[in-house]
Amino acid sequence: VQLVESGGRLVQAGGSLRLSCAASERTVSSYAMGWFRRAPGKARQFVASISWSGDATYYADSVKGRFTISRDNAKNTGYLQMNSLKPDDTAVYYCAADRVIRVGVPGWGYWGQGTQVTVSA
């Protein structure tokens, strides 16, 4: 399974972005998906995850209430809607997929290459 993220760009604080994660195979519709980020000089951190059906979602405390994870299985695509962005949200954002939903970085089997999000003050 190949994953390709898109939608990252420079945005002002308080603004919004929607990231997309397009999968190369329809089988991803039966996989959980997750979003992660790596800020400069920091370890990769969990942002959000969603079950294959979309019924279950999990969020890091730092983004809860501001970010929304979703998916469209008909399009083999996952999304991360990011609102009220802060400079601390600046990072490379990655999506991942796996048969099992997880809360955290370890264990995800398939990863994208990332998309840069920069939030200016």
C-alpha atoms as a PDB file:
ATOM      1  CA  VAL A   1       0.000   0.000   0.000  1.00  0.00           C
ATOM      2  CA  GLN A   2       1.370   3.378  -0.995  1.00  0.00           C
ATOM      3  CA  LEU A   3       0.188   6.533   0.734  1.00  0.00           C
ATOM      4  CA  VAL A   4       0.589  10.059  -0.605  1.00  0.00           C
ATOM      5  CA  GLU A   5      -0.110  13.106   1.512  1.00  0.00           C
ATOM      6  CA  SER A   6      -1.047  16.497   0.101  1.00  0.00           C
ATOM      7  CA  GLY A   7      -2.426  19.835   1.216  1.00  0.00           C
ATOM      8  CA  GLY A   8       0.403  21.147   3.322  1.00  0.00           C
ATOM      9  CA  ARG A   9       1.441  24.767   2.897  1.00  0.00           C
ATOM     10  CA  LEU A  10       2.212  28.010   4.707  1.00  0.00           C
ATOM     11  CA  VAL A  11      -0.748  29.406   6.644  1.00  0.00           C
ATOM     12  CA  GLN A  12      -1.200  32.150   9.216  1.00  0.00           C
ATOM     13  CA  ALA A  13      -2.011  31.392  12.820  1.00  0.00           C
ATOM     14  CA  GLY A  14      -5.740  30.959  13.298  1.00  0.00           C
ATOM     15  CA  GLY A  15      -6.166  29.632   9.786  1.00  0.00           C
ATOM     16  CA  SER A  16      -7.297  26.247   8.518  1.00  0.00           C
ATOM     17  CA  LEU A  17      -5.949  23.512   6.279  1.00  0.00           C
ATOM     18  CA  ARG A  18      -7.202  20.170   5.092  1.00  0.00           C
ATOM     19  CA  LEU A  19      -4.641  17.460   4.478  1.00  0.00           C
ATOM     20  CA  SER A  20      -5.380  14.484   2.261  1.00  0.00           C
ATOM     21  CA  CYS A  21      -3.893  10.999   2.257  1.00  0.00           C
ATOM     22  CA  ALA A  22      -4.503   9.092  -0.967  1.00  0.00           C
ATOM     23  CA  ALA A  23      -3.940   5.340  -0.984  1.00  0.00           C
ATOM     24  CA  SER A  24      -2.885   3.311  -3.985  1.00  0.00           C
ATOM     25  CA  GLU A  25      -5.094   0.316  -3.233  1.00  0.00           C
ATOM     26  CA  ARG A  26      -8.750  -0.187  -2.444  1.00  0.00           C
ATOM     27  CA  THR A  27      -7.750  -2.595   0.329  1.00  0.00           C
ATOM     28  CA  VAL A  28      -6.953   0.441   2.454  1.00  0.00           C
ATOM     29  CA  SER A  29     -10.689   0.872   2.909  1.00  0.00           C
ATOM     30  CA  SER A  30     -10.474  -2.009   5.398  1.00  0.00           C
ATOM     31  CA  TYR A  31      -7.468  -0.491   7.198  1.00  0.00           C
ATOM     32  CA  ALA A  32      -7.307   1.985  10.031  1.00  0.00           C
ATOM     33  CA  MET A  33      -5.599   5.264   9.175  1.00  0.00           C
ATOM     34  CA  GLY A  34      -3.636   7.684  11.267  1.00  0.00           C
ATOM     35  CA  TRP A  35      -2.020  11.096  11.112  1.00  0.00           C
ATOM     36  CA  PHE A  36       1.278  12.002  12.734  1.00  0.00           C
ATOM     37  CA  ARG A  37       3.676  14.912  12.736  1.00  0.00           C
ATOM     38  CA  ARG A  38       7.326  15.638  13.271  1.00  0.00           C
ATOM     39  CA  ALA A  39       8.360  19.131  14.264  1.00  0.00           C
ATOM     40  CA  PRO A  40      11.963  20.267  13.774  1.00  0.00           C
ATOM     41  CA  GLY A  41      14.214  18.684  16.367  1.00  0.00           C
ATOM     42  CA  LYS A  42      11.435  16.568  17.854  1.00  0.00           C
ATOM     43  CA  ALA A  43      10.306  12.985  17.606  1.00  0.00           C
ATOM     44  CA  ARG A  44       7.363  11.943  15.465  1.00  0.00           C
ATOM     45  CA  GLN A  45       4.154  12.230  17.450  1.00  0.00           C
ATOM     46  CA  PHE A  46       0.665  10.858  17.133  1.00  0.00           C
ATOM     47  CA  VAL A  47      -2.032  13.301  16.008  1.00  0.00           C
ATOM     48  CA  ALA A  48      -5.186  11.279  15.285  1.00  0.00           C
ATOM     49  CA  SER A  49      -6.432   7.913  14.089  1.00  0.00           C
ATOM     50  CA  ILE A  50      -9.634   6.521  12.630  1.00  0.00           C
ATOM     51  CA  SER A  51     -11.025   3.020  12.251  1.00  0.00           C
ATOM     52  CA  TRP A  52     -11.706   1.526   8.849  1.00  0.00           C
ATOM     53  CA  SER A  53     -15.420   2.289   9.183  1.00  0.00           C
ATOM     54  CA  GLY A  54     -14.916   5.760  10.592  1.00  0.00           C
ATOM     55  CA  ASP A  55     -16.867   4.861  13.710  1.00  0.00           C
ATOM     56  CA  ALA A  56     -13.928   5.232  16.067  1.00  0.00           C
ATOM     57  CA  THR A  57     -11.588   8.210  16.220  1.00  0.00           C
ATOM     58  CA  TYR A  58      -8.788   9.166  18.606  1.00  0.00           C
ATOM     59  CA  TYR A  59      -6.918  12.424  19.048  1.00  0.00           C
ATOM     60  CA  ALA A  60      -3.861  13.729  20.804  1.00  0.00           C
ATOM     61  CA  ASP A  61      -4.772  16.147  23.560  1.00  0.00           C
ATOM     62  CA  SER A  62      -2.866  18.919  21.800  1.00  0.00           C
ATOM     63  CA  VAL A  63      -5.217  18.860  18.794  1.00  0.00           C
ATOM     64  CA  LYS A  64      -8.494  17.773  20.343  1.00  0.00           C
ATOM     65  CA  GLY A  65     -11.268  20.199  19.440  1.00  0.00           C
ATOM     66  CA  ARG A  66      -9.230  21.772  16.629  1.00  0.00           C
ATOM     67  CA  PHE A  67      -8.453  18.871  14.267  1.00  0.00           C
ATOM     68  CA  THR A  68     -10.878  16.377  12.742  1.00  0.00           C
ATOM     69  CA  ILE A  69      -9.894  13.106  11.112  1.00  0.00           C
ATOM     70  CA  SER A  70     -12.166  11.563   8.508  1.00  0.00           C
ATOM     71  CA  ARG A  71     -12.082   9.252   5.526  1.00  0.00           C
ATOM     72  CA  ASP A  72     -13.850   8.507   2.269  1.00  0.00           C
ATOM     73  CA  ASN A  73     -13.451   4.812   1.520  1.00  0.00           C
ATOM     74  CA  ALA A  74     -14.996   5.202  -1.921  1.00  0.00           C
ATOM     75  CA  LYS A  75     -12.033   7.441  -2.801  1.00  0.00           C
ATOM     76  CA  ASN A  76      -9.406   5.488  -0.820  1.00  0.00           C
ATOM     77  CA  THR A  77      -8.569   8.771   0.880  1.00  0.00           C
ATOM     78  CA  GLY A  78      -8.197   9.980   4.419  1.00  0.00           C
ATOM     79  CA  TYR A  79      -8.353  13.575   5.610  1.00  0.00           C
ATOM     80  CA  LEU A  80      -7.181  15.747   8.461  1.00  0.00           C
ATOM     81  CA  GLN A  81      -9.092  19.004   8.849  1.00  0.00           C
ATOM     82  CA  MET A  82      -7.024  21.411  10.904  1.00  0.00           C
ATOM     83  CA  ASN A  83      -8.621  24.556  12.335  1.00  0.00           C
ATOM     84  CA  SER A  84      -7.368  27.287  14.654  1.00  0.00           C
ATOM     85  CA  LEU A  85      -3.808  26.505  13.667  1.00  0.00           C
ATOM     86  CA  LYS A  86      -0.976  27.597  15.913  1.00  0.00           C
ATOM     87  CA  PRO A  87       2.745  28.083  15.225  1.00  0.00           C
ATOM     88  CA  ASP A  88       3.336  24.982  17.393  1.00  0.00           C
ATOM     89  CA  ASP A  89       1.478  22.948  14.769  1.00  0.00           C
ATOM     90  CA  THR A  90       4.330  23.544  12.330  1.00  0.00           C
ATOM     91  CA  ALA A  91       5.664  20.139  11.307  1.00  0.00           C
ATOM     92  CA  VAL A  92       5.868  17.566   8.571  1.00  0.00           C
ATOM     93  CA  TYR A  93       2.584  15.664   8.660  1.00  0.00           C
ATOM     94  CA  TYR A  94       2.478  11.973   7.787  1.00  0.00           C
ATOM     95  CA  CYS A  95      -0.354   9.542   7.276  1.00  0.00           C
ATOM     96  CA  ALA A  96      -0.175   5.840   7.982  1.00  0.00           C
ATOM     97  CA  ALA A  97      -2.370   2.789   7.589  1.00  0.00           C
ATOM     98  CA  ASP A  98      -2.611  -0.593   9.243  1.00  0.00           C
ATOM     99  CA  ARG A  99      -5.100  -3.399   9.770  1.00  0.00           C
ATOM    100  CA  VAL A 100      -5.351  -2.488  13.447  1.00  0.00           C
ATOM    101  CA  ILE A 101      -6.206   0.949  14.781  1.00  0.00           C
ATOM    102  CA  ARG A 102      -3.633   2.345  17.192  1.00  0.00           C
ATOM    103  CA  VAL A 103      -3.205   5.339  19.432  1.00  0.00           C
ATOM    104  CA  GLY A 104       0.434   6.226  19.117  1.00  0.00           C
ATOM    105  CA  VAL A 105       3.295   5.961  16.649  1.00  0.00           C
ATOM    106  CA  PRO A 106       4.512   2.355  16.994  1.00  0.00           C
ATOM    107  CA  GLY A 107       3.118  -0.471  14.915  1.00  0.00           C
ATOM    108  CA  TRP A 108       1.703   1.233  11.824  1.00  0.00           C
ATOM    109  CA  GLY A 109       2.651  -0.794   8.794  1.00  0.00           C
ATOM    110  CA  TYR A 110       2.410   1.681   5.916  1.00  0.00           C
ATOM    111  CA  TRP A 111       3.597   5.282   5.854  1.00  0.00           C
ATOM    112  CA  GLY A 112       3.485   8.178   3.456  1.00  0.00           C
ATOM    113  CA  GLN A 113       6.349  10.553   2.733  1.00  0.00           C
ATOM    114  CA  GLY A 114       4.860  13.545   4.494  1.00  0.00           C
ATOM    115  CA  THR A 115       3.664  17.048   3.682  1.00  0.00           C
ATOM    116  CA  GLN A 116       4.999  20.250   5.238  1.00  0.00           C
ATOM    117  CA  VAL A 117       2.681  22.467   7.250  1.00  0.00           C
ATOM    118  CA  THR A 118       4.060  25.812   8.374  1.00  0.00           C
ATOM    119  CA  VAL A 119       2.044  28.108  10.597  1.00  0.00           C
ATOM    120  CA  SER A 120       3.282  31.677  10.847  1.00  0.00           C
ATOM    121  CA  ALA A 121       2.636  33.848  13.876  1.00  0.00           C
END
